[in-house]
Protein backbone atom coordinates (compact mmCIF):
# COMPACT_ATOMS: atom_id res chain seq x y z
CA MET A 1 0.00 0.00 0.00
CA PRO A 2 1.50 3.38 -0.96
CA ARG A 3 2.21 5.73 1.89
CA PRO A 4 0.23 8.97 2.08
CA ALA A 5 1.91 12.11 0.78
CA SER A 6 3.69 14.02 3.49
CA ASP A 7 4.94 17.56 3.54
CA TRP A 8 8.33 16.27 4.76
CA ILE A 9 10.28 14.27 2.17
CA THR A 10 13.73 12.70 2.05
CA LEU A 11 16.60 14.24 0.14
CA SER A 12 16.26 11.47 -2.45
CA GLU A 13 12.61 12.37 -3.00
CA ALA A 14 13.52 16.06 -3.26
CA ALA A 15 16.28 15.28 -5.76
CA GLN A 16 13.73 13.30 -7.81
CA ILE A 17 11.34 16.29 -7.86
CA PHE A 18 14.16 18.45 -9.21
CA ALA A 19 15.13 15.77 -11.75
CA ASP A 20 11.52 15.47 -12.92
CA ALA A 21 11.61 19.22 -13.58
CA ASN A 22 14.81 18.73 -15.61
CA VAL A 23 16.92 20.42 -12.93
CA PRO A 24 19.56 17.92 -11.80
CA ILE A 25 20.43 18.58 -8.16
CA SER A 26 22.38 16.00 -6.15
CA ARG A 27 21.48 14.77 -2.69
CA SER A 28 24.75 16.19 -1.37
CA THR A 29 23.86 19.65 -2.69
CA LEU A 30 20.45 19.40 -1.04
CA ALA A 31 22.14 18.34 2.22
CA ARG A 32 24.45 21.38 2.04
CA TRP A 33 21.45 23.63 1.44
CA ALA A 34 19.67 22.04 4.41
CA HIS A 35 22.66 22.50 6.72
CA SER A 36 23.19 26.10 5.60
CA GLY A 37 19.51 26.99 6.10
CA LYS A 38 18.79 27.64 2.42
CA LEU A 39 16.31 24.75 2.54
CA GLN A 40 14.12 24.19 5.60
CA SER A 41 14.87 20.77 7.07
CA ILE A 42 14.62 18.45 10.05
CA GLN A 43 16.87 15.57 11.03
CA PRO A 44 15.17 13.33 13.60
CA GLY A 45 17.77 10.58 13.13
CA ARG A 46 20.29 9.95 10.40
CA LYS A 47 18.04 11.02 7.53
CA ILE A 48 17.43 14.63 6.56
CA TYR A 49 13.91 15.64 5.60
CA VAL A 50 12.95 18.78 3.70
CA ARG A 51 9.58 20.35 3.07
CA ARG A 52 8.03 19.38 -0.25
CA VAL A 53 6.42 22.80 -0.60
CA ARG A 54 9.84 24.51 -0.21
CA VAL A 55 11.36 22.31 -2.92
CA ARG A 56 8.54 23.17 -5.30
CA ALA A 57 8.85 26.86 -4.40
CA MET A 58 12.55 26.74 -5.32
CA LEU A 59 11.59 25.40 -8.74
CA ARG A 60 9.01 28.14 -9.28
CA ARG A 61 11.33 30.99 -8.47
CA LYS A 62 14.15 29.68 -10.64
CA LYS A 63 14.70 32.49 -13.11
CA ARG A 64 17.00 32.42 -16.04
CA ARG A 65 19.25 35.38 -16.40
CA GLY A 66 19.63 36.36 -20.00
CA VAL A 67 21.25 38.93 -22.14
CA LYS A 68 19.30 41.08 -24.56
CA ALA A 69 19.92 40.17 -28.17
CA GLU A 70 20.95 43.74 -28.93
CA ALA A 71 23.78 43.46 -26.43
CA VAL A 72 25.13 40.29 -28.04
CA GLN A 73 24.93 41.36 -31.67
CA PRO A 74 24.04 45.01 -32.03
CA GLY A 75 21.94 45.66 -35.11
CA VAL A 76 21.13 42.02 -35.86
CA PHE A 77 17.39 42.72 -35.94
CA GLU A 78 17.59 45.89 -38.04
CA ASP A 79 17.45 44.03 -41.38
CA ILE A 80 14.37 41.98 -40.43
CA GLY A 81 11.98 44.87 -40.87
CA GLY A 82 12.58 45.04 -44.61
């Protein structure tokens, strides 16, 4: 019988959520983030648990920093207009 979904998940489960979103993050990176406070966590024994909602929030706020096309190749779009 599958266990009910919990708000607290293991680092392996968190890494799988990132992988499913095509963002490969290792368990060791997640552990570092947990120990540094970047990712809310608990450690009742040997395993570290993180909040599922925090993992998903990290995926939502992931923004790509880009460069405007004009800055890369000035004038490249000037000929498109005709």
